[in-house]
Amino acid sequence: DVEWHRILDVVIAPNPALTAAQQRVIELDYEMTEGQLIVKTRQALGF
């Protein structure tokens, strides 16, 4: 079951349509590093 065992990196960031101050708040909410957060997930659970 390749999709179960394969691990994907899901990279998220603040919506660029937000103001700089609002983006900083989102970075704090998700503990982002340099404006991004990598969430690891099994391919089978990714969607």
All heavy atoms as atom14 arrays in JSON, in Angstrom:
{
  "sequence": "DVEWHRILDVVIAPNPALTAAQQRVIELDYEMTEGQLIVKTRQALGF",
  "atom14_mask": [
    [1, 1, 1, 1, 1, 1, 1, 1, 0, 0, 0, 0, 0, 0],
    [1, 1, 1, 1, 1, 1, 1, 0, 0, 0, 0, 0, 0, 0],
    [1, 1, 1, 1, 1, 1, 1, 1, 1, 0, 0, 0, 0, 0],
    [1, 1, 1, 1, 1, 1, 1, 1, 1, 1, 1, 1, 1, 1],
    [1, 1, 1, 1, 1, 1, 1, 1, 1, 1, 0, 0, 0, 0],
    [1, 1, 1, 1, 1, 1, 1, 1, 1, 1, 1, 0, 0, 0],
    [1, 1, 1, 1, 1, 1, 1, 1, 0, 0, 0, 0, 0, 0],
    [1, 1, 1, 1, 1, 1, 1, 1, 0, 0, 0, 0, 0, 0],
    [1, 1, 1, 1, 1, 1, 1, 1, 0, 0, 0, 0, 0, 0],
    [1, 1, 1, 1, 1, 1, 1, 0, 0, 0, 0, 0, 0, 0],
    [1, 1, 1, 1, 1, 1, 1, 0, 0, 0, 0, 0, 0, 0],
    [1, 1, 1, 1, 1, 1, 1, 1, 0, 0, 0, 0, 0, 0],
    [1, 1, 1, 1, 1, 0, 0, 0, 0, 0, 0, 0, 0, 0],
    [1, 1, 1, 1, 1, 1, 1, 0, 0, 0, 0, 0, 0, 0],
    [1, 1, 1, 1, 1, 1, 1, 1, 0, 0, 0, 0, 0, 0],
    [1, 1, 1, 1, 1, 1, 1, 0, 0, 0, 0, 0, 0, 0],
    [1, 1, 1, 1, 1, 0, 0, 0, 0, 0, 0, 0, 0, 0],
    [1, 1, 1, 1, 1, 1, 1, 1, 0, 0, 0, 0, 0, 0],
    [1, 1, 1, 1, 1, 1, 1, 0, 0, 0, 0, 0, 0, 0],
    [1, 1, 1, 1, 1, 0, 0, 0, 0, 0, 0, 0, 0, 0],
    [1, 1, 1, 1, 1, 0, 0, 0, 0, 0, 0, 0, 0, 0],
    [1, 1, 1, 1, 1, 1, 1, 1, 1, 0, 0, 0, 0, 0],
    [1, 1, 1, 1, 1, 1, 1, 1, 1, 0, 0, 0, 0, 0],
    [1, 1, 1, 1, 1, 1, 1, 1, 1, 1, 1, 0, 0, 0],
    [1, 1, 1, 1, 1, 1, 1, 0, 0, 0, 0, 0, 0, 0],
    [1, 1, 1, 1, 1, 1, 1, 1, 0, 0, 0, 0, 0, 0],
    [1, 1, 1, 1, 1, 1, 1, 1, 1, 0, 0, 0, 0, 0],
    [1, 1, 1, 1, 1, 1, 1, 1, 0, 0, 0, 0, 0, 0],
    [1, 1, 1, 1, 1, 1, 1, 1, 0, 0, 0, 0, 0, 0],
    [1, 1, 1, 1, 1, 1, 1, 1, 1, 1, 1, 1, 0, 0],
    [1, 1, 1, 1, 1, 1, 1, 1, 1, 0, 0, 0, 0, 0],
    [1, 1, 1, 1, 1, 1, 1, 1, 0, 0, 0, 0, 0, 0],
    [1, 1, 1, 1, 1, 1, 1, 0, 0, 0, 0, 0, 0, 0],
    [1, 1, 1, 1, 1, 1, 1, 1, 1, 0, 0, 0, 0, 0],
    [1, 1, 1, 1, 0, 0, 0, 0, 0, 0, 0, 0, 0, 0],
    [1, 1, 1, 1, 1, 1, 1, 1, 1, 0, 0, 0, 0, 0],
    [1, 1, 1, 1, 1, 1, 1, 1, 0, 0, 0, 0, 0, 0],
    [1, 1, 1, 1, 1, 1, 1, 1, 0, 0, 0, 0, 0, 0],
    [1, 1, 1, 1, 1, 1, 1, 0, 0, 0, 0, 0, 0, 0],
    [1, 1, 1, 1, 1, 1, 1, 1, 1, 0, 0, 0, 0, 0],
    [1, 1, 1, 1, 1, 1, 1, 0, 0, 0, 0, 0, 0, 0],
    [1, 1, 1, 1, 1, 1, 1, 1, 1, 1, 1, 0, 0, 0],
    [1, 1, 1, 1, 1, 1, 1, 1, 1, 0, 0, 0, 0, 0],
    [1, 1, 1, 1, 1, 0, 0, 0, 0, 0, 0, 0, 0, 0],
    [1, 1, 1, 1, 1, 1, 1, 1, 0, 0, 0, 0, 0, 0],
    [1, 1, 1, 1, 0, 0, 0, 0, 0, 0, 0, 0, 0, 0],
    [1, 1, 1, 1, 1, 1, 1, 1, 1, 1, 1, 0, 0, 0]
  ],
  "atom14_positions": [
    [[0.86, -1.19, 0.0], [0.0, 0.0, 0.0], [0.9, 1.24, 0.0], [1.18, 1.85, 1.04], [-0.91, 0.0, 1.22], [-1.95, 1.12, 1.19], [-1.89, 1.97, 0.27], [-2.83, 1.14, 2.08], [0.0, 0.0, 0.0], [0.0, 0.0, 0.0], [0.0, 0.0, 0.0], [0.0, 0.0, 0.0], [0.0, 0.0, 0.0], [0.0, 0.0, 0.0]],
    [[1.35, 1.6, -1.17], [2.33, 2.68, -1.32], [1.78, 4.0, -0.78], [2.49, 4.78, -0.13], [2.75, 2.83, -2.8], [3.69, 4.01, -2.98], [3.4, 1.55, -3.29], [0.0, 0.0, 0.0], [0.0, 0.0, 0.0], [0.0, 0.0, 0.0], [0.0, 0.0, 0.0], [0.0, 0.0, 0.0], [0.0, 0.0, 0.0], [0.0, 0.0, 0.0]],
    [[0.51, 4.29, -1.04], [-0.07, 5.56, -0.62], [-0.12, 5.68, 0.9], [-0.1, 6.78, 1.44], [-1.46, 5.73, -1.22], [-1.45, 5.89, -2.73], [-2.84, 6.14, -3.29], [-3.79, 6.27, -2.49], [-2.98, 6.21, -4.52], [0.0, 0.0, 0.0], [0.0, 0.0, 0.0], [0.0, 0.0, 0.0], [0.0, 0.0, 0.0], [0.0, 0.0, 0.0]],
    [[-0.21, 4.55, 1.58], [-0.22, 4.59, 3.05], [1.18, 4.85, 3.59], [1.37, 5.58, 4.56], [-0.77, 3.28, 3.62], [-0.77, 3.25, 5.12], [0.13, 2.64, 5.93], [-1.72, 3.88, 5.98], [-0.21, 2.84, 7.24], [-1.33, 3.6, 7.31], [-2.86, 4.65, 5.76], [-2.04, 4.06, 8.42], [-3.58, 5.12, 6.85], [-3.17, 4.83, 8.16]],
    [[2.17, 4.27, 2.97], [3.53, 4.35, 3.49], [4.3, 5.58, 2.99], [5.3, 5.97, 3.6], [4.3, 3.08, 3.14], [3.76, 1.86, 3.83], [3.92, 1.62, 5.18], [3.02, 0.82, 3.36], [3.33, 0.49, 5.51], [2.77, -0.02, 4.42], [0.0, 0.0, 0.0], [0.0, 0.0, 0.0], [0.0, 0.0, 0.0], [0.0, 0.0, 0.0]],
    [[3.86, 6.2, 1.89], [4.56, 7.38, 1.38], [4.18, 8.6, 2.22], [3.01, 8.87, 2.46], [4.22, 7.63, -0.09], [4.9, 8.87, -0.66], [4.5, 9.11, -2.1], [5.12, 8.16, -3.0], [4.46, 7.41, -3.88], [3.14, 7.5, -3.96], [5.11, 6.59, -4.68], [0.0, 0.0, 0.0], [0.0, 0.0, 0.0], [0.0, 0.0, 0.0]],
    [[5.19, 9.35, 2.66], [4.99, 10.56, 3.45], [5.18, 11.79, 2.56], [6.2, 11.91, 1.86], [5.96, 10.61, 4.64], [5.81, 9.36, 5.52], [5.71, 11.87, 5.47], [4.43, 9.18, 6.12], [0.0, 0.0, 0.0], [0.0, 0.0, 0.0], [0.0, 0.0, 0.0], [0.0, 0.0, 0.0], [0.0, 0.0, 0.0], [0.0, 0.0, 0.0]],
    [[4.22, 12.69, 2.6], [4.27, 13.92, 1.82], [4.51, 15.12, 2.74], [4.11, 15.12, 3.9], [2.95, 14.14, 1.08], [2.49, 13.05, 0.11], [1.14, 13.45, -0.49], [3.52, 12.81, -0.98], [0.0, 0.0, 0.0], [0.0, 0.0, 0.0], [0.0, 0.0, 0.0], [0.0, 0.0, 0.0], [0.0, 0.0, 0.0], [0.0, 0.0, 0.0]],
    [[5.16, 16.13, 2.18], [5.31, 17.41, 2.86], [4.25, 18.37, 2.33], [4.22, 18.66, 1.12], [6.69, 18.01, 2.61], [7.78, 17.31, 3.39], [7.46, 16.56, 4.34], [8.97, 17.51, 3.06], [0.0, 0.0, 0.0], [0.0, 0.0, 0.0], [0.0, 0.0, 0.0], [0.0, 0.0, 0.0], [0.0, 0.0, 0.0], [0.0, 0.0, 0.0]],
    [[3.37, 18.83, 3.21], [2.38, 19.84, 2.85], [2.89, 21.17, 3.39], [3.06, 21.34, 4.6], [1.0, 19.5, 3.45], [0.02, 20.64, 3.22], [0.46, 18.2, 2.86], [0.0, 0.0, 0.0], [0.0, 0.0, 0.0], [0.0, 0.0, 0.0], [0.0, 0.0, 0.0], [0.0, 0.0, 0.0], [0.0, 0.0, 0.0], [0.0, 0.0, 0.0]],
    [[3.18, 22.1, 2.48], [3.76, 23.39, 2.88], [2.68, 24.46, 2.85], [2.06, 24.69, 1.81], [4.92, 23.78, 1.94], [5.59, 25.06, 2.44], [5.94, 22.65, 1.84], [0.0, 0.0, 0.0], [0.0, 0.0, 0.0], [0.0, 0.0, 0.0], [0.0, 0.0, 0.0], [0.0, 0.0, 0.0], [0.0, 0.0, 0.0], [0.0, 0.0, 0.0]],
    [[2.46, 25.08, 4.0], [1.45, 26.14, 4.08], [2.11, 27.45, 4.48], [3.2, 27.47, 5.07], [0.32, 25.79, 5.08], [0.87, 25.64, 6.5], [-0.4, 24.53, 4.64], [-0.22, 25.44, 7.54], [0.0, 0.0, 0.0], [0.0, 0.0, 0.0], [0.0, 0.0, 0.0], [0.0, 0.0, 0.0], [0.0, 0.0, 0.0], [0.0, 0.0, 0.0]],
    [[1.43, 28.55, 4.14], [1.93, 29.89, 4.44], [0.73, 30.82, 4.61], [-0.39, 30.48, 4.21], [2.84, 30.38, 3.32], [0.0, 0.0, 0.0], [0.0, 0.0, 0.0], [0.0, 0.0, 0.0], [0.0, 0.0, 0.0], [0.0, 0.0, 0.0], [0.0, 0.0, 0.0], [0.0, 0.0, 0.0], [0.0, 0.0, 0.0], [0.0, 0.0, 0.0]],
    [[0.93, 32.0, 5.19], [-0.17, 32.96, 5.29], [-0.65, 33.37, 3.9], [0.14, 33.42, 2.95], [0.45, 34.16, 6.02], [1.64, 33.6, 6.73], [2.15, 32.5, 5.85], [0.0, 0.0, 0.0], [0.0, 0.0, 0.0], [0.0, 0.0, 0.0], [0.0, 0.0, 0.0], [0.0, 0.0, 0.0], [0.0, 0.0, 0.0], [0.0, 0.0, 0.0]],
    [[-1.92, 33.65, 3.78], [-2.47, 34.12, 2.51], [-1.82, 35.46, 2.15], [-1.88, 36.42, 2.93], [-3.99, 34.29, 2.64], [-4.66, 34.47, 1.3], [-4.14, 35.13, 0.41], [-5.84, 33.88, 1.15], [0.0, 0.0, 0.0], [0.0, 0.0, 0.0], [0.0, 0.0, 0.0], [0.0, 0.0, 0.0], [0.0, 0.0, 0.0], [0.0, 0.0, 0.0]],
    [[-1.16, 35.54, 1.0], [-0.46, 36.8, 0.64], [-1.41, 37.98, 0.45], [-0.95, 39.13, 0.4], [0.25, 36.44, -0.67], [-0.51, 35.27, -1.22], [-1.0, 34.51, -0.03], [0.0, 0.0, 0.0], [0.0, 0.0, 0.0], [0.0, 0.0, 0.0], [0.0, 0.0, 0.0], [0.0, 0.0, 0.0], [0.0, 0.0, 0.0], [0.0, 0.0, 0.0]],
    [[-2.72, 37.71, 0.35], [-3.67, 38.82, 0.21], [-3.91, 39.54, 1.54], [-4.51, 40.62, 1.56], [-5.0, 38.3, -0.34], [0.0, 0.0, 0.0], [0.0, 0.0, 0.0], [0.0, 0.0, 0.0], [0.0, 0.0, 0.0], [0.0, 0.0, 0.0], [0.0, 0.0, 0.0], [0.0, 0.0, 0.0], [0.0, 0.0, 0.0], [0.0, 0.0, 0.0]],
    [[-3.45, 38.97, 2.64], [-3.56, 39.62, 3.94], [-2.5, 40.7, 4.08], [-1.47, 40.68, 3.39], [-3.4, 38.59, 5.07], [-4.45, 37.49, 5.18], [-4.03, 36.46, 6.21], [-5.82, 38.08, 5.54], [0.0, 0.0, 0.0], [0.0, 0.0, 0.0], [0.0, 0.0, 0.0], [0.0, 0.0, 0.0], [0.0, 0.0, 0.0], [0.0, 0.0, 0.0]],
    [[-2.7, 41.61, 4.99], [-1.69, 42.63, 5.25], [-0.48, 41.98, 5.92], [-0.56, 40.87, 6.45], [-2.23, 43.74, 6.16], [-2.49, 43.18, 7.47], [-3.52, 44.34, 5.6], [0.0, 0.0, 0.0], [0.0, 0.0, 0.0], [0.0, 0.0, 0.0], [0.0, 0.0, 0.0], [0.0, 0.0, 0.0], [0.0, 0.0, 0.0], [0.0, 0.0, 0.0]],
    [[0.63, 42.68, 5.92], [1.84, 42.15, 6.54], [1.61, 41.84, 8.02], [2.08, 40.82, 8.53], [2.99, 43.14, 6.37], [0.0, 0.0, 0.0], [0.0, 0.0, 0.0], [0.0, 0.0, 0.0], [0.0, 0.0, 0.0], [0.0, 0.0, 0.0], [0.0, 0.0, 0.0], [0.0, 0.0, 0.0], [0.0, 0.0, 0.0], [0.0, 0.0, 0.0]],
    [[0.9, 42.72, 8.71], [0.62, 42.5, 10.13], [-0.26, 41.27, 10.33], [-0.05, 40.48, 11.25], [-0.05, 43.74, 10.73], [0.0, 0.0, 0.0], [0.0, 0.0, 0.0], [0.0, 0.0, 0.0], [0.0, 0.0, 0.0], [0.0, 0.0, 0.0], [0.0, 0.0, 0.0], [0.0, 0.0, 0.0], [0.0, 0.0, 0.0], [0.0, 0.0, 0.0]],
    [[-1.26, 41.12, 9.46], [-2.15, 39.97, 9.56], [-1.39, 38.67, 9.26], [-1.62, 37.65, 9.9], [-3.33, 40.13, 8.61], [-4.3, 41.23, 9.02], [-5.32, 41.57, 7.94], [-5.07, 41.35, 6.74], [-6.47, 42.1, 8.34], [0.0, 0.0, 0.0], [0.0, 0.0, 0.0], [0.0, 0.0, 0.0], [0.0, 0.0, 0.0], [0.0, 0.0, 0.0]],
    [[-0.49, 38.71, 8.28], [0.3, 37.53, 7.97], [1.16, 37.14, 9.16], [1.36, 35.95, 9.44], [1.18, 37.79, 6.74], [0.4, 37.9, 5.44], [1.31, 38.08, 4.24], [2.26, 37.33, 4.07], [1.02, 39.08, 3.41], [0.0, 0.0, 0.0], [0.0, 0.0, 0.0], [0.0, 0.0, 0.0], [0.0, 0.0, 0.0], [0.0, 0.0, 0.0]],
    [[1.69, 38.12, 9.88], [2.51, 37.83, 11.06], [1.67, 37.13, 12.13], [2.15, 36.21, 12.8], [3.11, 39.13, 11.61], [3.95, 38.95, 12.87], [5.07, 37.96, 12.65], [5.83, 37.73, 13.87], [6.53, 36.64, 14.12], [6.56, 35.66, 13.22], [7.22, 36.52, 15.23], [0.0, 0.0, 0.0], [0.0, 0.0, 0.0], [0.0, 0.0, 0.0]],
    [[0.42, 37.54, 12.27], [-0.46, 36.88, 13.24], [-0.66, 35.41, 12.86], [-0.62, 34.53, 13.72], [-1.82, 37.61, 13.32], [-2.82, 36.81, 14.16], [-1.64, 39.01, 13.91], [0.0, 0.0, 0.0], [0.0, 0.0, 0.0], [0.0, 0.0, 0.0], [0.0, 0.0, 0.0], [0.0, 0.0, 0.0], [0.0, 0.0, 0.0], [0.0, 0.0, 0.0]],
    [[-0.88, 35.15, 11.58], [-1.07, 33.77, 11.13], [0.21, 32.95, 11.35], [0.15, 31.78, 11.75], [-1.46, 33.73, 9.64], [-2.77, 34.52, 9.42], [-1.62, 32.29, 9.16], [-3.93, 34.04, 10.27], [0.0, 0.0, 0.0], [0.0, 0.0, 0.0], [0.0, 0.0, 0.0], [0.0, 0.0, 0.0], [0.0, 0.0, 0.0], [0.0, 0.0, 0.0]],
    [[1.37, 33.57, 11.12], [2.63, 32.88, 11.39], [2.73, 32.48, 12.86], [3.2, 31.38, 13.18], [3.81, 33.78, 11.01], [3.95, 34.01, 9.51], [5.08, 34.99, 9.19], [5.92, 35.25, 10.08], [5.12, 35.51, 8.06], [0.0, 0.0, 0.0], [0.0, 0.0, 0.0], [0.0, 0.0, 0.0], [0.0, 0.0, 0.0], [0.0, 0.0, 0.0]],
    [[2.28, 33.34, 13.74], [2.29, 33.03, 15.17], [1.29, 31.93, 15.5], [1.59, 31.02, 16.29], [1.97, 34.29, 15.98], [3.02, 35.4, 15.96], [2.49, 36.65, 16.65], [4.32, 34.93, 16.64], [0.0, 0.0, 0.0], [0.0, 0.0, 0.0], [0.0, 0.0, 0.0], [0.0, 0.0, 0.0], [0.0, 0.0, 0.0], [0.0, 0.0, 0.0]],
    [[0.11, 31.99, 14.88], [-0.92, 30.98, 15.13], [-0.42, 29.58, 14.82], [-0.73, 28.62, 15.54], [-2.17, 31.25, 14.27], [-3.02, 32.38, 14.83], [-2.79, 32.78, 15.99], [-3.92, 32.85, 14.11], [0.0, 0.0, 0.0], [0.0, 0.0, 0.0], [0.0, 0.0, 0.0], [0.0, 0.0, 0.0], [0.0, 0.0, 0.0], [0.0, 0.0, 0.0]],
    [[0.34, 29.44, 13.74], [0.77, 28.12, 13.27], [2.24, 27.82, 13.6], [2.77, 26.81, 13.14], [0.55, 28.0, 11.76], [-0.9, 27.91, 11.36], [-1.67, 29.05, 11.14], [-1.53, 26.67, 11.21], [-3.01, 28.96, 10.78], [-2.85, 26.57, 10.85], [-3.59, 27.73, 10.64], [-4.92, 27.63, 10.28], [0.0, 0.0, 0.0], [0.0, 0.0, 0.0]],
    [[2.88, 28.72, 14.36], [4.31, 28.55, 14.7], [5.14, 28.33, 13.43], [5.96, 27.41, 13.34], [4.51, 27.38, 15.67], [3.97, 27.65, 17.05], [4.33, 26.55, 18.04], [4.0, 25.39, 17.76], [4.96, 26.85, 19.06], [0.0, 0.0, 0.0], [0.0, 0.0, 0.0], [0.0, 0.0, 0.0], [0.0, 0.0, 0.0], [0.0, 0.0, 0.0]],
    [[4.93, 29.2, 12.46], [5.67, 29.08, 11.2], [7.09, 29.57, 11.37], [7.39, 30.42, 12.23], [4.97, 29.89, 10.11], [3.61, 29.34, 9.72], [2.81, 30.31, 8.41], [1.3, 29.38, 8.18], [0.0, 0.0, 0.0], [0.0, 0.0, 0.0], [0.0, 0.0, 0.0], [0.0, 0.0, 0.0], [0.0, 0.0, 0.0], [0.0, 0.0, 0.0]],
    [[7.97, 29.01, 10.56], [9.37, 29.43, 10.52], [9.64, 30.07, 9.17], [9.41, 29.45, 8.13], [10.31, 28.23, 10.73], [10.02, 27.63, 12.0], [11.76, 28.67, 10.7], [0.0, 0.0, 0.0], [0.0, 0.0, 0.0], [0.0, 0.0, 0.0], [0.0, 0.0, 0.0], [0.0, 0.0, 0.0], [0.0, 0.0, 0.0], [0.0, 0.0, 0.0]],
    [[10.12, 31.31, 9.2], [10.38, 32.07, 7.97], [9.15, 32.08, 7.07], [9.23, 31.92, 5.84], [11.6, 31.5, 7.23], [12.89, 31.63, 8.04], [14.1, 31.09, 7.3], [13.9, 30.52, 6.2], [15.21, 31.24, 7.81], [0.0, 0.0, 0.0], [0.0, 0.0, 0.0], [0.0, 0.0, 0.0], [0.0, 0.0, 0.0], [0.0, 0.0, 0.0]],
    [[7.99, 32.22, 7.68], [6.75, 32.4, 6.92], [6.13, 31.13, 6.38], [5.18, 31.22, 5.59], [0.0, 0.0, 0.0], [0.0, 0.0, 0.0], [0.0, 0.0, 0.0], [0.0, 0.0, 0.0], [0.0, 0.0, 0.0], [0.0, 0.0, 0.0], [0.0, 0.0, 0.0], [0.0, 0.0, 0.0], [0.0, 0.0, 0.0], [0.0, 0.0, 0.0]],
    [[6.62, 29.96, 6.78], [6.06, 28.71, 6.27], [6.01, 27.64, 7.36], [6.71, 27.72, 8.35], [6.89, 28.18, 5.09], [6.82, 29.01, 3.83], [7.5, 28.33, 2.66], [8.24, 27.36, 2.81], [7.24, 28.82, 1.45], [0.0, 0.0, 0.0], [0.0, 0.0, 0.0], [0.0, 0.0, 0.0], [0.0, 0.0, 0.0], [0.0, 0.0, 0.0]],
    [[5.16, 26.66, 7.13], [5.08, 25.5, 8.01], [4.97, 24.25, 7.14], [4.17, 24.2, 6.21], [3.86, 25.58, 8.94], [3.63, 24.35, 9.84], [4.75, 24.23, 10.87], [2.27, 24.45, 10.53], [0.0, 0.0, 0.0], [0.0, 0.0, 0.0], [0.0, 0.0, 0.0], [0.0, 0.0, 0.0], [0.0, 0.0, 0.0], [0.0, 0.0, 0.0]],
    [[5.78, 23.25, 7.45], [5.71, 21.97, 6.74], [4.98, 20.97, 7.61], [5.38, 20.71, 8.75], [7.12, 21.44, 6.4], [7.85, 22.43, 5.48], [7.03, 20.06, 5.76], [9.28, 22.03, 5.19], [0.0, 0.0, 0.0], [0.0, 0.0, 0.0], [0.0, 0.0, 0.0], [0.0, 0.0, 0.0], [0.0, 0.0, 0.0], [0.0, 0.0, 0.0]],
    [[3.89, 20.43, 7.09], [3.1, 19.41, 7.8], [3.3, 18.09, 7.06], [3.0, 17.98, 5.87], [1.6, 19.78, 7.82], [0.81, 18.73, 8.6], [1.4, 21.16, 8.43], [0.0, 0.0, 0.0], [0.0, 0.0, 0.0], [0.0, 0.0, 0.0], [0.0, 0.0, 0.0], [0.0, 0.0, 0.0], [0.0, 0.0, 0.0], [0.0, 0.0, 0.0]],
    [[3.79, 17.1, 7.77], [4.0, 15.79, 7.16], [2.74, 14.95, 7.28], [2.09, 14.95, 8.33], [5.19, 15.08, 7.81], [6.53, 15.76, 7.51], [7.7, 14.94, 8.0], [9.01, 15.6, 7.63], [9.21, 15.67, 6.16], [0.0, 0.0, 0.0], [0.0, 0.0, 0.0], [0.0, 0.0, 0.0], [0.0, 0.0, 0.0], [0.0, 0.0, 0.0]],
    [[2.39, 14.25, 6.22], [1.18, 13.43, 6.22], [1.36, 12.23, 5.29], [2.13, 12.3, 4.33], [-0.05, 14.25, 5.77], [-1.22, 13.43, 5.84], [0.12, 14.76, 4.35], [0.0, 0.0, 0.0], [0.0, 0.0, 0.0], [0.0, 0.0, 0.0], [0.0, 0.0, 0.0], [0.0, 0.0, 0.0], [0.0, 0.0, 0.0], [0.0, 0.0, 0.0]],
    [[0.68, 11.16, 5.59], [0.66, 10.03, 4.66], [-0.1, 10.46, 3.4], [-1.07, 11.21, 3.48], [-0.04, 8.83, 5.3], [0.68, 8.25, 6.51], [-0.09, 7.06, 7.06], [0.49, 6.59, 8.31], [1.48, 5.71, 8.39], [1.98, 5.18, 7.29], [1.96, 5.33, 9.57], [0.0, 0.0, 0.0], [0.0, 0.0, 0.0], [0.0, 0.0, 0.0]],
    [[0.34, 9.97, 2.27], [-0.37, 10.29, 1.03], [-1.84, 9.91, 1.12], [-2.71, 10.64, 0.66], [0.28, 9.57, -0.15], [-0.39, 9.85, -1.49], [0.24, 9.08, -2.63], [1.31, 8.49, -2.49], [-0.41, 9.08, -3.79], [0.0, 0.0, 0.0], [0.0, 0.0, 0.0], [0.0, 0.0, 0.0], [0.0, 0.0, 0.0], [0.0, 0.0, 0.0]],
    [[-2.13, 8.77, 1.75], [-3.51, 8.3, 1.85], [-4.38, 9.24, 2.7], [-5.61, 9.23, 2.58], [-3.54, 6.9, 2.46], [0.0, 0.0, 0.0], [0.0, 0.0, 0.0], [0.0, 0.0, 0.0], [0.0, 0.0, 0.0], [0.0, 0.0, 0.0], [0.0, 0.0, 0.0], [0.0, 0.0, 0.0], [0.0, 0.0, 0.0], [0.0, 0.0, 0.0]],
    [[-3.75, 10.04, 3.55], [-4.49, 10.97, 4.41], [-4.35, 12.42, 3.96], [-4.96, 13.31, 4.55], [-4.01, 10.84, 5.86], [-4.14, 9.45, 6.51], [-3.56, 9.49, 7.93], [-5.59, 9.0, 6.55], [0.0, 0.0, 0.0], [0.0, 0.0, 0.0], [0.0, 0.0, 0.0], [0.0, 0.0, 0.0], [0.0, 0.0, 0.0], [0.0, 0.0, 0.0]],
    [[-3.57, 12.64, 2.91], [-3.26, 14.0, 2.5], [-4.46, 14.84, 2.12], [-4.58, 16.0, 2.54], [0.0, 0.0, 0.0], [0.0, 0.0, 0.0], [0.0, 0.0, 0.0], [0.0, 0.0, 0.0], [0.0, 0.0, 0.0], [0.0, 0.0, 0.0], [0.0, 0.0, 0.0], [0.0, 0.0, 0.0], [0.0, 0.0, 0.0], [0.0, 0.0, 0.0]],
    [[-5.37, 14.26, 1.33], [-6.52, 15.07, 0.89], [-7.45, 15.37, 2.06], [-8.06, 16.44, 2.11], [-7.28, 14.36, -0.23], [-8.21, 15.28, -0.96], [-7.74, 16.31, -1.74], [-9.6, 15.12, -0.86], [-8.6, 17.16, -2.42], [-10.46, 15.97, -1.52], [-9.97, 17.0, -2.3], [0.0, 0.0, 0.0], [0.0, 0.0, 0.0], [0.0, 0.0, 0.0]]
  ]
}
